[in-house]
């Protein structure tokens, strides 16, 4: 299995990893998944590992911190 760590990947590889993981973020649901792509920008830029980003997202979800609500197919505040 290939490593997804920042130290083992190039920026281009990280972009491809995120793109392949999320699928076609522009093709369905009027682009509602674009926010997910933004969430992983720190990984693409080499600032935070995938694990850190996912853990922070889960922590906000579990703690109930104020986050955008999902209404139909888009996120609203």
PDB file of N, CA and C in Angstrom:
ATOM      1  N   UNK A   1       0.832  -1.169   0.000  1.00  0.00           N
ATOM      2  CA  UNK A   1       0.000   0.000   0.000  1.00  0.00           C
ATOM      3  C   UNK A   1       0.886   1.246   0.000  1.00  0.00           C
ATOM      4  N   UNK A   2       0.565   2.187  -0.830  1.00  0.00           N
ATOM      5  CA  UNK A   2       1.328   3.417  -0.923  1.00  0.00           C
ATOM      6  C   UNK A   2       1.045   4.312   0.279  1.00  0.00           C
ATOM      7  N   UNK A   3       2.036   5.100   0.652  1.00  0.00           N
ATOM      8  CA  UNK A   3       1.876   6.027   1.763  1.00  0.00           C
ATOM      9  C   UNK A   3       1.197   7.303   1.277  1.00  0.00           C
ATOM     10  N   UNK A   4       0.292   7.830   2.105  1.00  0.00           N
ATOM     11  CA  UNK A   4      -0.390   9.077   1.797  1.00  0.00           C
ATOM     12  C   UNK A   4       0.169  10.232   2.618  1.00  0.00           C
ATOM     13  N   UNK A   5       1.225   9.974   3.370  1.00  0.00           N
ATOM     14  CA  UNK A   5       1.816  11.011   4.199  1.00  0.00           C
ATOM     15  C   UNK A   5       2.411  12.118   3.335  1.00  0.00           C
ATOM     16  N   UNK A   6       2.387  13.316   3.868  1.00  0.00           N
ATOM     17  CA  UNK A   6       2.916  14.469   3.136  1.00  0.00           C
ATOM     18  C   UNK A   6       4.370  14.238   2.749  1.00  0.00           C
ATOM     19  N   UNK A   7       5.161  13.692   3.671  1.00  0.00           N
ATOM     20  CA  UNK A   7       6.590  13.493   3.395  1.00  0.00           C
ATOM     21  C   UNK A   7       6.837  12.505   2.262  1.00  0.00           C
ATOM     22  N   UNK A   8       5.849  11.670   1.949  1.00  0.00           N
ATOM     23  CA  UNK A   8       6.009  10.646   0.922  1.00  0.00           C
ATOM     24  C   UNK A   8       5.309  10.984  -0.392  1.00  0.00           C
ATOM     25  N   UNK A   9       4.726  12.177  -0.500  1.00  0.00           N
ATOM     26  CA  UNK A   9       3.967  12.535  -1.699  1.00  0.00           C
ATOM     27  C   UNK A   9       4.343  13.932  -2.186  1.00  0.00           C
ATOM     28  N   UNK A  10       4.094  14.149  -3.451  1.00  0.00           N
ATOM     29  CA  UNK A  10       4.260  15.483  -4.016  1.00  0.00           C
ATOM     30  C   UNK A  10       2.916  16.197  -3.959  1.00  0.00           C
ATOM     31  N   UNK A  11       2.930  17.484  -4.184  1.00  0.00           N
ATOM     32  CA  UNK A  11       1.680  18.248  -4.201  1.00  0.00           C
ATOM     33  C   UNK A  11       0.728  17.678  -5.247  1.00  0.00           C
ATOM     34  N   UNK A  12       1.241  17.345  -6.418  1.00  0.00           N
ATOM     35  CA  UNK A  12       0.408  16.806  -7.491  1.00  0.00           C
ATOM     36  C   UNK A  12      -0.218  15.480  -7.087  1.00  0.00           C
ATOM     37  N   UNK A  13       0.554  14.649  -6.401  1.00  0.00           N
ATOM     38  CA  UNK A  13       0.008  13.372  -5.930  1.00  0.00           C
ATOM     39  C   UNK A  13      -1.093  13.601  -4.893  1.00  0.00           C
ATOM     40  N   UNK A  14      -0.880  14.569  -3.992  1.00  0.00           N
ATOM     41  CA  UNK A  14      -1.898  14.858  -2.973  1.00  0.00           C
ATOM     42  C   UNK A  14      -3.173  15.403  -3.617  1.00  0.00           C
ATOM     43  N   UNK A  15      -3.031  16.245  -4.630  1.00  0.00           N
ATOM     44  CA  UNK A  15      -4.216  16.740  -5.350  1.00  0.00           C
ATOM     45  C   UNK A  15      -4.988  15.577  -5.960  1.00  0.00           C
ATOM     46  N   UNK A  16      -4.263  14.653  -6.559  1.00  0.00           N
ATOM     47  CA  UNK A  16      -4.901  13.487  -7.189  1.00  0.00           C
ATOM     48  C   UNK A  16      -5.562  12.591  -6.139  1.00  0.00           C
ATOM     49  N   UNK A  17      -4.917  12.414  -4.996  1.00  0.00           N
ATOM     50  CA  UNK A  17      -5.484  11.595  -3.922  1.00  0.00           C
ATOM     51  C   UNK A  17      -6.816  12.170  -3.465  1.00  0.00           C
ATOM     52  N   UNK A  18      -6.862  13.480  -3.230  1.00  0.00           N
ATOM     53  CA  UNK A  18      -8.097  14.119  -2.784  1.00  0.00           C
ATOM     54  C   UNK A  18      -9.157  14.039  -3.873  1.00  0.00           C
ATOM     55  N   UNK A  19      -8.779  14.334  -5.097  1.00  0.00           N
ATOM     56  CA  UNK A  19      -9.738  14.297  -6.209  1.00  0.00           C
ATOM     57  C   UNK A  19     -10.331  12.907  -6.391  1.00  0.00           C
ATOM     58  N   UNK A  20      -9.487  11.883  -6.356  1.00  0.00           N
ATOM     59  CA  UNK A  20      -9.975  10.514  -6.535  1.00  0.00           C
ATOM     60  C   UNK A  20     -10.825  10.069  -5.349  1.00  0.00           C
ATOM     61  N   UNK A  21     -10.488  10.520  -4.165  1.00  0.00           N
ATOM     62  CA  UNK A  21     -11.236  10.131  -2.974  1.00  0.00           C
ATOM     63  C   UNK A  21     -12.625  10.742  -2.947  1.00  0.00           C
ATOM     64  N   UNK A  22     -12.729  11.991  -3.394  1.00  0.00           N
ATOM     65  CA  UNK A  22     -14.011  12.681  -3.355  1.00  0.00           C
ATOM     66  C   UNK A  22     -14.855  12.429  -4.590  1.00  0.00           C
ATOM     67  N   UNK A  23     -14.271  11.939  -5.650  1.00  0.00           N
ATOM     68  CA  UNK A  23     -15.011  11.727  -6.886  1.00  0.00           C
ATOM     69  C   UNK A  23     -15.190  13.031  -7.627  1.00  0.00           C
ATOM     70  N   UNK A  24     -16.188  13.083  -8.466  1.00  0.00           N
ATOM     71  CA  UNK A  24     -16.452  14.278  -9.270  1.00  0.00           C
ATOM     72  C   UNK A  24     -17.188  15.299  -8.414  1.00  0.00           C
ATOM     73  N   UNK A  25     -16.451  16.251  -7.861  1.00  0.00           N
ATOM     74  CA  UNK A  25     -17.074  17.203  -6.940  1.00  0.00           C
ATOM     75  C   UNK A  25     -17.865  18.286  -7.657  1.00  0.00           C
ATOM     76  N   UNK A  26     -17.697  18.422  -8.951  1.00  0.00           N
ATOM     77  CA  UNK A  26     -18.433  19.447  -9.679  1.00  0.00           C
ATOM     78  C   UNK A  26     -19.615  18.890 -10.462  1.00  0.00           C
ATOM     79  N   UNK A  27     -19.686  17.583 -10.596  1.00  0.00           N
ATOM     80  CA  UNK A  27     -20.654  17.003 -11.507  1.00  0.00           C
ATOM     81  C   UNK A  27     -22.041  16.746 -10.946  1.00  0.00           C
ATOM     82  N   UNK A  28     -22.154  16.626  -9.650  1.00  0.00           N
ATOM     83  CA  UNK A  28     -23.467  16.302  -9.096  1.00  0.00           C
ATOM     84  C   UNK A  28     -23.820  17.260  -7.979  1.00  0.00           C
ATOM     85  N   UNK A  29     -25.075  17.341  -7.680  1.00  0.00           N
ATOM     86  CA  UNK A  29     -25.549  18.064  -6.511  1.00  0.00           C
ATOM     87  C   UNK A  29     -25.175  19.541  -6.562  1.00  0.00           C
ATOM     88  N   UNK A  30     -25.149  20.114  -7.733  1.00  0.00           N
ATOM     89  CA  UNK A  30     -24.859  21.536  -7.916  1.00  0.00           C
ATOM     90  C   UNK A  30     -23.585  21.983  -7.212  1.00  0.00           C
ATOM     91  N   UNK A  31     -22.582  21.112  -7.144  1.00  0.00           N
ATOM     92  CA  UNK A  31     -21.307  21.481  -6.550  1.00  0.00           C
ATOM     93  C   UNK A  31     -21.276  21.528  -5.044  1.00  0.00           C
ATOM     94  N   UNK A  32     -22.214  20.865  -4.381  1.00  0.00           N
ATOM     95  CA  UNK A  32     -22.268  20.944  -2.915  1.00  0.00           C
ATOM     96  C   UNK A  32     -21.046  20.305  -2.271  1.00  0.00           C
ATOM     97  N   UNK A  33     -20.333  19.440  -2.965  1.00  0.00           N
ATOM     98  CA  UNK A  33     -19.156  18.797  -2.392  1.00  0.00           C
ATOM     99  C   UNK A  33     -17.912  19.668  -2.484  1.00  0.00           C
ATOM    100  N   UNK A  34     -18.022  20.828  -3.095  1.00  0.00           N
ATOM    101  CA  UNK A  34     -16.857  21.699  -3.219  1.00  0.00           C
ATOM    102  C   UNK A  34     -16.302  22.069  -1.853  1.00  0.00           C
ATOM    103  N   UNK A  35     -17.147  22.210  -0.844  1.00  0.00           N
ATOM    104  CA  UNK A  35     -16.688  22.495   0.510  1.00  0.00           C
ATOM    105  C   UNK A  35     -15.800  21.392   1.056  1.00  0.00           C
ATOM    106  N   UNK A  36     -16.064  20.168   0.661  1.00  0.00           N
ATOM    107  CA  UNK A  36     -15.208  19.059   1.083  1.00  0.00           C
ATOM    108  C   UNK A  36     -13.815  19.203   0.496  1.00  0.00           C
ATOM    109  N   UNK A  37     -13.735  19.616  -0.747  1.00  0.00           N
ATOM    110  CA  UNK A  37     -12.432  19.808  -1.372  1.00  0.00           C
ATOM    111  C   UNK A  37     -11.660  20.889  -0.636  1.00  0.00           C
ATOM    112  N   UNK A  38     -12.334  21.958  -0.235  1.00  0.00           N
ATOM    113  CA  UNK A  38     -11.694  23.036   0.511  1.00  0.00           C
ATOM    114  C   UNK A  38     -11.169  22.533   1.850  1.00  0.00           C
ATOM    115  N   UNK A  39     -11.897  21.613   2.458  1.00  0.00           N
ATOM    116  CA  UNK A  39     -11.512  21.070   3.751  1.00  0.00           C
ATOM    117  C   UNK A  39     -10.135  20.405   3.679  1.00  0.00           C
ATOM    118  N   UNK A  40      -9.797  19.847   2.540  1.00  0.00           N
ATOM    119  CA  UNK A  40      -8.537  19.119   2.385  1.00  0.00           C
ATOM    120  C   UNK A  40      -7.423  19.964   1.760  1.00  0.00           C
ATOM    121  N   UNK A  41      -7.633  21.261   1.632  1.00  0.00           N
ATOM    122  CA  UNK A  41      -6.617  22.119   1.015  1.00  0.00           C
ATOM    123  C   UNK A  41      -5.316  22.131   1.825  1.00  0.00           C
ATOM    124  N   UNK A  42      -5.399  22.087   3.156  1.00  0.00           N
ATOM    125  CA  UNK A  42      -4.181  22.053   3.968  1.00  0.00           C
ATOM    126  C   UNK A  42      -3.351  20.812   3.676  1.00  0.00           C
ATOM    127  N   UNK A  43      -4.002  19.702   3.400  1.00  0.00           N
ATOM    128  CA  UNK A  43      -3.268  18.478   3.029  1.00  0.00           C
ATOM    129  C   UNK A  43      -2.583  18.672   1.681  1.00  0.00           C
ATOM    130  N   UNK A  44      -3.302  19.184   0.733  1.00  0.00           N
ATOM    131  CA  UNK A  44      -2.727  19.411  -0.594  1.00  0.00           C
ATOM    132  C   UNK A  44      -1.534  20.356  -0.493  1.00  0.00           C
ATOM    133  N   UNK A  45      -1.657  21.382   0.344  1.00  0.00           N
ATOM    134  CA  UNK A  45      -0.578  22.366   0.511  1.00  0.00           C
ATOM    135  C   UNK A  45       0.568  21.852   1.384  1.00  0.00           C
ATOM    136  N   UNK A  46       0.417  20.663   1.971  1.00  0.00           N
ATOM    137  CA  UNK A  46       1.473  20.083   2.788  1.00  0.00           C
ATOM    138  C   UNK A  46       1.526  20.624   4.198  1.00  0.00           C
ATOM    139  N   UNK A  47       0.410  21.162   4.696  1.00  0.00           N
ATOM    140  CA  UNK A  47       0.377  21.759   6.035  1.00  0.00           C
ATOM    141  C   UNK A  47      -0.114  20.811   7.116  1.00  0.00           C
ATOM    142  N   UNK A  48      -1.092  19.958   6.782  1.00  0.00           N
ATOM    143  CA  UNK A  48      -1.667  19.017   7.762  1.00  0.00           C
ATOM    144  C   UNK A  48      -1.926  17.687   7.076  1.00  0.00           C
ATOM    145  N   UNK A  49      -1.727  16.621   7.839  1.00  0.00           N
ATOM    146  CA  UNK A  49      -1.973  15.276   7.313  1.00  0.00           C
ATOM    147  C   UNK A  49      -3.474  15.002   7.230  1.00  0.00           C
ATOM    148  N   UNK A  50      -3.856  14.054   6.398  1.00  0.00           N
ATOM    149  CA  UNK A  50      -5.257  13.661   6.258  1.00  0.00           C
ATOM    150  C   UNK A  50      -5.859  13.282   7.607  1.00  0.00           C
ATOM    151  N   UNK A  51      -5.105  12.540   8.384  1.00  0.00           N
ATOM    152  CA  UNK A  51      -5.598  12.096   9.695  1.00  0.00           C
ATOM    153  C   UNK A  51      -5.963  13.285  10.579  1.00  0.00           C
ATOM    154  N   UNK A  52      -5.121  14.329  10.572  1.00  0.00           N
ATOM    155  CA  UNK A  52      -5.391  15.511  11.389  1.00  0.00           C
ATOM    156  C   UNK A  52      -6.665  16.219  10.943  1.00  0.00           C
ATOM    157  N   UNK A  53      -6.849  16.349   9.653  1.00  0.00           N
ATOM    158  CA  UNK A  53      -8.026  17.026   9.108  1.00  0.00           C
ATOM    159  C   UNK A  53      -9.286  16.240   9.453  1.00  0.00           C
ATOM    160  N   UNK A  54      -9.245  14.937   9.245  1.00  0.00           N
ATOM    161  CA  UNK A  54     -10.413  14.099   9.535  1.00  0.00           C
ATOM    162  C   UNK A  54     -10.741  14.087  11.029  1.00  0.00           C
ATOM    163  N   UNK A  55      -9.719  14.054  11.875  1.00  0.00           N
ATOM    164  CA  UNK A  55      -9.958  14.057  13.317  1.00  0.00           C
ATOM    165  C   UNK A  55     -10.574  15.385  13.759  1.00  0.00           C
ATOM    166  N   UNK A  56     -10.121  16.487  13.207  1.00  0.00           N
ATOM    167  CA  UNK A  56     -10.677  17.799  13.565  1.00  0.00           C
ATOM    168  C   UNK A  56     -12.131  17.892  13.128  1.00  0.00           C
ATOM    169  N   UNK A  57     -12.439  17.366  11.959  1.00  0.00           N
ATOM    170  CA  UNK A  57     -13.820  17.384  11.480  1.00  0.00           C
ATOM    171  C   UNK A  57     -14.713  16.567  12.393  1.00  0.00           C
ATOM    172  N   UNK A  58     -14.273  15.372  12.750  1.00  0.00           N
ATOM    173  CA  UNK A  58     -15.060  14.506  13.638  1.00  0.00           C
ATOM    174  C   UNK A  58     -15.231  15.132  15.010  1.00  0.00           C
ATOM    175  N   UNK A  59     -14.202  15.792  15.524  1.00  0.00           N
ATOM    176  CA  UNK A  59     -14.287  16.409  16.845  1.00  0.00           C
ATOM    177  C   UNK A  59     -15.350  17.501  16.862  1.00  0.00           C
ATOM    178  N   UNK A  60     -15.438  18.296  15.812  1.00  0.00           N
ATOM    179  CA  UNK A  60     -16.476  19.326  15.740  1.00  0.00           C
ATOM    180  C   UNK A  60     -17.845  18.691  15.637  1.00  0.00           C
ATOM    181  N   UNK A  61     -17.936  17.603  14.887  1.00  0.00           N
ATOM    182  CA  UNK A  61     -19.218  16.923  14.708  1.00  0.00           C
ATOM    183  C   UNK A  61     -19.721  16.368  16.041  1.00  0.00           C
ATOM    184  N   UNK A  62     -18.856  15.699  16.766  1.00  0.00           N
ATOM    185  CA  UNK A  62     -19.238  15.077  18.026  1.00  0.00           C
ATOM    186  C   UNK A  62     -19.498  16.123  19.100  1.00  0.00           C
ATOM    187  N   UNK A  63     -18.698  17.191  19.126  1.00  0.00           N
ATOM    188  CA  UNK A  63     -18.824  18.183  20.191  1.00  0.00           C
ATOM    189  C   UNK A  63     -20.019  19.097  19.986  1.00  0.00           C
ATOM    190  N   UNK A  64     -20.520  19.172  18.764  1.00  0.00           N
ATOM    191  CA  UNK A  64     -21.667  20.024  18.494  1.00  0.00           C
ATOM    192  C   UNK A  64     -21.300  21.477  18.276  1.00  0.00           C
ATOM    193  N   UNK A  65     -20.021  21.746  18.016  1.00  0.00           N
ATOM    194  CA  UNK A  65     -19.623  23.116  17.728  1.00  0.00           C
ATOM    195  C   UNK A  65     -20.452  23.660  16.580  1.00  0.00           C
ATOM    196  N   UNK A  66     -20.615  24.961  16.565  1.00  0.00           N
ATOM    197  CA  UNK A  66     -21.378  25.613  15.502  1.00  0.00           C
ATOM    198  C   UNK A  66     -20.702  25.349  14.158  1.00  0.00           C
ATOM    199  N   UNK A  67     -21.423  24.704  13.297  1.00  0.00           N
ATOM    200  CA  UNK A  67     -20.923  24.378  11.962  1.00  0.00           C
ATOM    201  C   UNK A  67     -22.045  24.628  10.978  1.00  0.00           C
ATOM    202  N   UNK A  68     -21.700  24.750   9.716  1.00  0.00           N
ATOM    203  CA  UNK A  68     -22.760  24.917   8.716  1.00  0.00           C
ATOM    204  C   UNK A  68     -23.720  23.743   8.747  1.00  0.00           C
ATOM    205  N   UNK A  69     -24.988  24.023   8.545  1.00  0.00           N
ATOM    206  CA  UNK A  69     -25.992  22.968   8.489  1.00  0.00           C
ATOM    207  C   UNK A  69     -26.211  22.570   7.047  1.00  0.00           C
ATOM    208  N   UNK A  70     -26.500  21.320   6.847  1.00  0.00           N
ATOM    209  CA  UNK A  70     -26.768  20.841   5.499  1.00  0.00           C
ATOM    210  C   UNK A  70     -28.254  20.946   5.246  1.00  0.00           C
ATOM    211  N   UNK A  71     -28.612  21.737   4.265  1.00  0.00           N
ATOM    212  CA  UNK A  71     -29.998  21.878   3.876  1.00  0.00           C
ATOM    213  C   UNK A  71     -30.145  21.409   2.450  1.00  0.00           C
ATOM    214  N   UNK A  72     -30.883  20.380   2.230  1.00  0.00           N
ATOM    215  CA  UNK A  72     -31.053  19.721   0.943  1.00  0.00           C
ATOM    216  C   UNK A  72     -29.691  19.353   0.398  1.00  0.00           C
ATOM    217  N   UNK A  73     -29.186  20.112  -0.554  1.00  0.00           N
ATOM    218  CA  UNK A  73     -27.922  19.731  -1.178  1.00  0.00           C
ATOM    219  C   UNK A  73     -26.868  20.825  -1.021  1.00  0.00           C
ATOM    220  N   UNK A  74     -27.062  21.746  -0.129  1.00  0.00           N
ATOM    221  CA  UNK A  74     -26.053  22.776   0.055  1.00  0.00           C
ATOM    222  C   UNK A  74     -25.891  23.089   1.533  1.00  0.00           C
ATOM    223  N   UNK A  75     -24.754  23.644   1.854  1.00  0.00           N
ATOM    224  CA  UNK A  75     -24.487  23.999   3.229  1.00  0.00           C
ATOM    225  C   UNK A  75     -24.845  25.455   3.445  1.00  0.00           C
ATOM    226  N   UNK A  76     -25.529  25.722   4.535  1.00  0.00           N
ATOM    227  CA  UNK A  76     -25.956  27.079   4.857  1.00  0.00           C
ATOM    228  C   UNK A  76     -25.574  27.394   6.292  1.00  0.00           C
ATOM    229  N   UNK A  77     -25.393  28.632   6.594  1.00  0.00           N
ATOM    230  CA  UNK A  77     -25.102  29.078   7.976  1.00  0.00           C
ATOM    231  C   UNK A  77     -26.331  29.619   8.584  1.00  0.00           C
TER     232      UNK A  77
END
